[in-house]
């Protein structure tokens, strides 16, 4: 997670970030990035493209959650348990279907 957080922190519009693995649906884990942005608004697609230039595809979070501030524990550390559950409908809208490209792909889709 530290490598992903470090890469996100290098983006000029990102003020703070924390990356976690969430398992809201049993057996289905997601890599999520929680961000506090500076003044300028940045799109999820811009963040995703930025990370793809620095990290392997499997390290790019499946969702980005923008926050006004990160929740903190009484001693000032990031409270990962208090991070909000992501809007799953927004995550599914972000995912784009890819049409089958080979005969094998067509067979798998048919199944």
N, C-alpha and C. Protein backbone atom coordinates (compact mmCIF):
# COMPACT_ATOMS: atom_id res chain seq x y z
N UNK A 1 0.82 -1.19 0.00
CA UNK A 1 0.00 0.00 0.00
C UNK A 1 0.86 1.26 0.00
N UNK A 2 1.98 1.19 0.69
CA UNK A 2 2.85 2.35 0.79
C UNK A 2 3.34 2.84 -0.56
N UNK A 3 3.63 1.91 -1.46
CA UNK A 3 4.11 2.31 -2.78
C UNK A 3 3.02 3.04 -3.56
N UNK A 4 1.78 2.58 -3.43
CA UNK A 4 0.65 3.22 -4.12
C UNK A 4 0.40 4.59 -3.51
N UNK A 5 0.40 4.67 -2.19
CA UNK A 5 0.22 5.96 -1.51
C UNK A 5 1.32 6.94 -1.91
N UNK A 6 2.55 6.45 -2.01
CA UNK A 6 3.66 7.30 -2.41
C UNK A 6 3.49 7.84 -3.82
N UNK A 7 3.04 6.98 -4.73
CA UNK A 7 2.82 7.41 -6.11
C UNK A 7 1.69 8.44 -6.18
N UNK A 8 0.61 8.19 -5.46
CA UNK A 8 -0.51 9.15 -5.46
C UNK A 8 -0.09 10.48 -4.85
N UNK A 9 0.74 10.45 -3.83
CA UNK A 9 1.19 11.67 -3.17
C UNK A 9 2.01 12.56 -4.10
N UNK A 10 2.58 11.98 -5.14
CA UNK A 10 3.37 12.75 -6.10
C UNK A 10 2.51 13.54 -7.07
N UNK A 11 1.22 13.21 -7.14
CA UNK A 11 0.33 13.98 -8.04
C UNK A 11 0.19 15.39 -7.46
N UNK A 12 0.30 16.41 -8.31
CA UNK A 12 0.28 17.79 -7.79
C UNK A 12 -1.04 18.22 -7.15
N UNK A 13 -2.15 17.53 -7.44
CA UNK A 13 -3.44 17.93 -6.88
C UNK A 13 -3.85 17.11 -5.66
N UNK A 14 -3.01 16.18 -5.23
CA UNK A 14 -3.33 15.33 -4.08
C UNK A 14 -2.63 15.87 -2.84
N UNK A 15 -3.44 16.14 -1.82
CA UNK A 15 -2.90 16.65 -0.55
C UNK A 15 -2.55 15.50 0.39
N UNK A 16 -3.50 14.58 0.59
CA UNK A 16 -3.29 13.42 1.47
C UNK A 16 -3.94 12.20 0.82
N UNK A 17 -3.43 11.03 1.15
CA UNK A 17 -4.01 9.81 0.61
C UNK A 17 -3.77 8.62 1.55
N UNK A 18 -4.67 7.68 1.49
CA UNK A 18 -4.50 6.40 2.17
C UNK A 18 -5.12 5.34 1.26
N UNK A 19 -4.44 4.21 1.14
CA UNK A 19 -4.91 3.12 0.29
C UNK A 19 -5.16 1.92 1.18
N UNK A 20 -6.32 1.28 0.99
CA UNK A 20 -6.69 0.12 1.81
C UNK A 20 -7.28 -0.96 0.91
N UNK A 21 -7.29 -2.17 1.44
CA UNK A 21 -7.99 -3.28 0.81
C UNK A 21 -9.28 -3.48 1.59
N UNK A 22 -10.42 -3.43 0.89
CA UNK A 22 -11.72 -3.63 1.56
C UNK A 22 -12.37 -4.88 1.01
N UNK A 23 -13.05 -5.58 1.89
CA UNK A 23 -13.80 -6.77 1.51
C UNK A 23 -15.23 -6.57 1.99
N UNK A 24 -15.97 -5.71 1.27
CA UNK A 24 -17.36 -5.44 1.64
C UNK A 24 -18.26 -6.60 1.25
N UNK A 25 -17.90 -7.30 0.18
CA UNK A 25 -18.61 -8.50 -0.23
C UNK A 25 -17.68 -9.67 0.07
N UNK A 26 -18.13 -10.65 0.85
CA UNK A 26 -17.24 -11.77 1.22
C UNK A 26 -16.59 -12.41 -0.01
N UNK A 27 -15.28 -12.54 0.06
CA UNK A 27 -14.52 -13.16 -1.02
C UNK A 27 -14.14 -12.22 -2.16
N UNK A 28 -14.59 -10.98 -2.11
CA UNK A 28 -14.28 -10.03 -3.18
C UNK A 28 -13.58 -8.81 -2.58
N UNK A 29 -12.27 -8.79 -2.72
CA UNK A 29 -11.48 -7.71 -2.14
C UNK A 29 -11.20 -6.65 -3.19
N UNK A 30 -11.25 -5.39 -2.77
CA UNK A 30 -10.99 -4.24 -3.66
C UNK A 30 -9.89 -3.38 -3.08
N UNK A 31 -9.09 -2.86 -3.97
CA UNK A 31 -8.06 -1.91 -3.59
C UNK A 31 -8.67 -0.52 -3.76
N UNK A 32 -8.77 0.23 -2.65
CA UNK A 32 -9.41 1.55 -2.68
C UNK A 32 -8.44 2.64 -2.23
N UNK A 33 -8.54 3.78 -2.90
CA UNK A 33 -7.74 4.94 -2.52
C UNK A 33 -8.67 6.02 -1.99
N UNK A 34 -8.37 6.51 -0.79
CA UNK A 34 -9.10 7.63 -0.20
C UNK A 34 -8.19 8.84 -0.33
N UNK A 35 -8.74 9.95 -0.85
CA UNK A 35 -7.93 11.11 -1.17
C UNK A 35 -8.50 12.40 -0.59
N UNK A 36 -7.61 13.28 -0.20
CA UNK A 36 -7.95 14.67 0.11
C UNK A 36 -7.22 15.48 -0.94
N UNK A 37 -7.98 16.26 -1.71
CA UNK A 37 -7.41 17.02 -2.81
C UNK A 37 -7.08 18.44 -2.39
N UNK A 38 -6.17 19.05 -3.14
CA UNK A 38 -5.87 20.47 -2.95
C UNK A 38 -7.00 21.24 -3.64
N UNK A 39 -6.82 22.50 -3.91
CA UNK A 39 -7.87 23.35 -4.48
C UNK A 39 -8.45 22.81 -5.79
N UNK A 40 -7.60 22.40 -6.69
CA UNK A 40 -8.05 21.98 -8.02
C UNK A 40 -8.75 20.62 -7.97
N UNK A 41 -9.79 20.49 -8.75
CA UNK A 41 -10.48 19.21 -8.85
C UNK A 41 -9.77 18.34 -9.90
N UNK A 42 -9.63 17.09 -9.62
CA UNK A 42 -9.01 16.14 -10.53
C UNK A 42 -9.98 14.98 -10.71
N UNK A 43 -10.05 14.45 -11.91
CA UNK A 43 -10.99 13.35 -12.17
C UNK A 43 -10.34 12.01 -11.80
N UNK A 44 -11.19 11.03 -11.61
CA UNK A 44 -10.73 9.68 -11.31
C UNK A 44 -9.89 9.16 -12.48
N UNK A 45 -10.33 9.45 -13.69
CA UNK A 45 -9.60 8.98 -14.86
C UNK A 45 -8.20 9.59 -14.92
N UNK A 46 -8.06 10.86 -14.55
CA UNK A 46 -6.73 11.49 -14.51
C UNK A 46 -5.83 10.80 -13.48
N UNK A 47 -6.40 10.49 -12.32
CA UNK A 47 -5.63 9.80 -11.28
C UNK A 47 -5.22 8.41 -11.75
N UNK A 48 -6.16 7.72 -12.37
CA UNK A 48 -5.88 6.36 -12.85
C UNK A 48 -4.76 6.39 -13.91
N UNK A 49 -4.82 7.32 -14.85
CA UNK A 49 -3.78 7.44 -15.88
C UNK A 49 -2.43 7.79 -15.25
N UNK A 50 -2.45 8.68 -14.27
CA UNK A 50 -1.23 9.07 -13.57
C UNK A 50 -0.57 7.85 -12.93
N UNK A 51 -1.37 7.03 -12.26
CA UNK A 51 -0.82 5.84 -11.58
C UNK A 51 -0.35 4.79 -12.58
N UNK A 52 -1.05 4.64 -13.69
CA UNK A 52 -0.65 3.64 -14.69
C UNK A 52 0.72 3.94 -15.28
N UNK A 53 1.13 5.20 -15.24
CA UNK A 53 2.45 5.57 -15.74
C UNK A 53 3.56 5.20 -14.75
N UNK A 54 3.18 4.99 -13.49
CA UNK A 54 4.18 4.73 -12.45
C UNK A 54 4.14 3.33 -11.86
N UNK A 55 2.96 2.67 -11.95
CA UNK A 55 2.78 1.39 -11.28
C UNK A 55 2.24 0.34 -12.24
N UNK A 56 2.43 -0.94 -11.92
CA UNK A 56 1.79 -1.98 -12.71
C UNK A 56 0.27 -1.90 -12.58
N UNK A 57 -0.44 -2.37 -13.57
CA UNK A 57 -1.91 -2.26 -13.61
C UNK A 57 -2.58 -2.85 -12.38
N UNK A 58 -2.05 -3.96 -11.85
CA UNK A 58 -2.70 -4.60 -10.70
C UNK A 58 -2.58 -3.77 -9.42
N UNK A 59 -1.75 -2.73 -9.44
CA UNK A 59 -1.59 -1.89 -8.26
C UNK A 59 -2.42 -0.60 -8.33
N UNK A 60 -3.17 -0.42 -9.42
CA UNK A 60 -4.02 0.75 -9.56
C UNK A 60 -5.34 0.45 -8.84
N UNK A 61 -5.74 1.28 -7.87
CA UNK A 61 -6.98 1.02 -7.12
C UNK A 61 -8.20 0.93 -8.03
N UNK A 62 -9.16 0.11 -7.63
CA UNK A 62 -10.39 -0.03 -8.42
C UNK A 62 -11.33 1.14 -8.20
N UNK A 63 -11.14 1.88 -7.11
CA UNK A 63 -12.00 3.03 -6.83
C UNK A 63 -11.23 4.09 -6.07
N UNK A 64 -11.67 5.33 -6.28
CA UNK A 64 -11.08 6.47 -5.61
C UNK A 64 -12.20 7.21 -4.88
N UNK A 65 -12.01 7.45 -3.59
CA UNK A 65 -13.02 8.13 -2.79
C UNK A 65 -12.44 9.47 -2.34
N UNK A 66 -13.10 10.54 -2.75
CA UNK A 66 -12.63 11.88 -2.39
C UNK A 66 -13.25 12.29 -1.05
N UNK A 67 -12.42 12.78 -0.13
CA UNK A 67 -12.87 13.21 1.18
C UNK A 67 -12.41 14.64 1.46
N UNK A 68 -13.12 15.32 2.34
CA UNK A 68 -12.69 16.65 2.77
C UNK A 68 -11.47 16.56 3.69
N UNK A 69 -11.44 15.49 4.50
CA UNK A 69 -10.30 15.23 5.37
C UNK A 69 -10.30 13.75 5.73
N UNK A 70 -9.14 13.23 6.07
CA UNK A 70 -9.05 11.84 6.49
C UNK A 70 -9.41 11.74 7.96
N UNK A 71 -10.16 10.70 8.36
CA UNK A 71 -10.50 10.55 9.78
C UNK A 71 -9.25 10.20 10.59
N UNK A 72 -9.16 10.79 11.77
CA UNK A 72 -7.99 10.57 12.62
C UNK A 72 -8.40 9.97 13.96
N UNK A 73 -7.50 9.20 14.53
CA UNK A 73 -7.70 8.67 15.87
C UNK A 73 -7.38 9.79 16.86
N UNK A 74 -7.70 9.61 18.14
CA UNK A 74 -7.38 10.65 19.14
C UNK A 74 -5.90 11.01 19.20
N UNK A 75 -5.01 10.07 18.83
CA UNK A 75 -3.58 10.39 18.87
C UNK A 75 -3.04 10.88 17.52
N UNK A 76 -3.95 11.21 16.58
CA UNK A 76 -3.55 11.86 15.34
C UNK A 76 -3.18 10.97 14.17
N UNK A 77 -3.33 9.66 14.32
CA UNK A 77 -3.05 8.74 13.21
C UNK A 77 -4.31 8.55 12.38
N UNK A 78 -4.14 8.10 11.13
CA UNK A 78 -5.29 7.87 10.26
C UNK A 78 -6.11 6.70 10.82
N UNK A 79 -7.40 6.93 10.99
CA UNK A 79 -8.32 5.91 11.51
C UNK A 79 -8.90 5.14 10.32
N UNK A 80 -8.24 4.06 9.93
CA UNK A 80 -8.64 3.28 8.76
C UNK A 80 -10.03 2.65 8.94
N UNK A 81 -10.39 2.34 10.17
CA UNK A 81 -11.72 1.75 10.41
C UNK A 81 -12.84 2.76 10.20
N UNK A 82 -12.53 4.04 10.30
CA UNK A 82 -13.55 5.08 10.14
C UNK A 82 -13.68 5.56 8.70
N UNK A 83 -12.89 5.02 7.80
CA UNK A 83 -13.02 5.41 6.39
C UNK A 83 -14.38 4.96 5.87
N UNK A 84 -15.07 5.82 5.14
CA UNK A 84 -16.43 5.46 4.70
C UNK A 84 -16.44 4.35 3.66
N UNK A 85 -17.52 3.60 3.69
CA UNK A 85 -17.72 2.55 2.70
C UNK A 85 -17.95 3.24 1.35
N UNK A 86 -17.30 2.75 0.28
CA UNK A 86 -17.46 3.40 -1.01
C UNK A 86 -18.84 3.14 -1.61
N UNK A 87 -19.25 4.05 -2.49
CA UNK A 87 -20.49 3.89 -3.23
C UNK A 87 -20.26 2.85 -4.32
N UNK A 88 -20.76 1.63 -4.10
CA UNK A 88 -20.50 0.54 -5.04
C UNK A 88 -21.11 0.78 -6.41
N UNK A 89 -22.20 1.54 -6.49
CA UNK A 89 -22.80 1.82 -7.79
C UNK A 89 -21.86 2.70 -8.61
N UNK A 90 -21.14 3.61 -7.97
CA UNK A 90 -20.18 4.45 -8.68
C UNK A 90 -19.01 3.62 -9.18
N UNK A 91 -18.59 2.64 -8.39
CA UNK A 91 -17.49 1.77 -8.81
C UNK A 91 -17.90 0.96 -10.02
N UNK A 92 -19.11 0.42 -10.02
CA UNK A 92 -19.54 -0.39 -11.15
C UNK A 92 -19.72 0.46 -12.40
N UNK A 93 -20.08 1.74 -12.25
CA UNK A 93 -20.18 2.63 -13.42
C UNK A 93 -18.81 2.92 -14.00
N UNK A 94 -17.78 2.91 -13.15
CA UNK A 94 -16.43 3.17 -13.62
C UNK A 94 -15.90 2.02 -14.47
N UNK A 95 -16.32 0.81 -14.14
CA UNK A 95 -15.84 -0.35 -14.87
C UNK A 95 -16.45 -0.35 -16.27
N UNK A 96 -15.61 -0.55 -17.25
CA UNK A 96 -16.08 -0.54 -18.63
C UNK A 96 -15.99 -1.96 -19.19
N UNK A 97 -17.05 -2.40 -19.83
CA UNK A 97 -17.05 -3.72 -20.45
C UNK A 97 -16.18 -3.68 -21.69
N UNK A 98 -15.45 -4.75 -21.91
CA UNK A 98 -14.62 -4.88 -23.10
C UNK A 98 -15.22 -5.99 -23.95
N UNK A 99 -15.46 -5.69 -25.20
CA UNK A 99 -16.05 -6.67 -26.11
C UNK A 99 -15.05 -7.80 -26.36
N UNK A 100 -15.57 -9.02 -26.62
CA UNK A 100 -14.68 -10.14 -26.92
C UNK A 100 -13.83 -9.81 -28.15
N UNK A 101 -12.54 -10.15 -28.07
CA UNK A 101 -11.63 -9.84 -29.17
C UNK A 101 -11.15 -11.05 -29.92
N UNK A 102 -11.29 -12.22 -29.33
CA UNK A 102 -10.82 -13.44 -29.97
C UNK A 102 -11.92 -14.49 -29.91
N UNK A 103 -11.81 -15.54 -30.70
CA UNK A 103 -12.80 -16.63 -30.60
C UNK A 103 -12.87 -17.23 -29.20
N UNK A 104 -11.74 -17.30 -28.51
CA UNK A 104 -11.74 -17.82 -27.13
C UNK A 104 -12.53 -16.90 -26.22
N UNK A 105 -12.35 -15.58 -26.38
CA UNK A 105 -13.13 -14.62 -25.60
C UNK A 105 -14.63 -14.81 -25.84
N UNK A 106 -15.00 -15.04 -27.09
CA UNK A 106 -16.43 -15.22 -27.44
C UNK A 106 -16.99 -16.47 -26.76
N UNK A 107 -16.18 -17.54 -26.71
CA UNK A 107 -16.63 -18.77 -26.04
C UNK A 107 -16.84 -18.53 -24.55
N UNK A 108 -15.92 -17.81 -23.94
CA UNK A 108 -16.04 -17.54 -22.51
C UNK A 108 -17.25 -16.69 -22.22
N UNK A 109 -17.51 -15.67 -23.05
CA UNK A 109 -18.69 -14.83 -22.86
C UNK A 109 -19.97 -15.64 -23.02
N UNK A 110 -19.97 -16.57 -23.94
CA UNK A 110 -21.16 -17.41 -24.17
C UNK A 110 -21.47 -18.28 -22.95
N UNK A 111 -20.44 -18.68 -22.25
CA UNK A 111 -20.65 -19.51 -21.05
C UNK A 111 -21.30 -18.70 -19.99
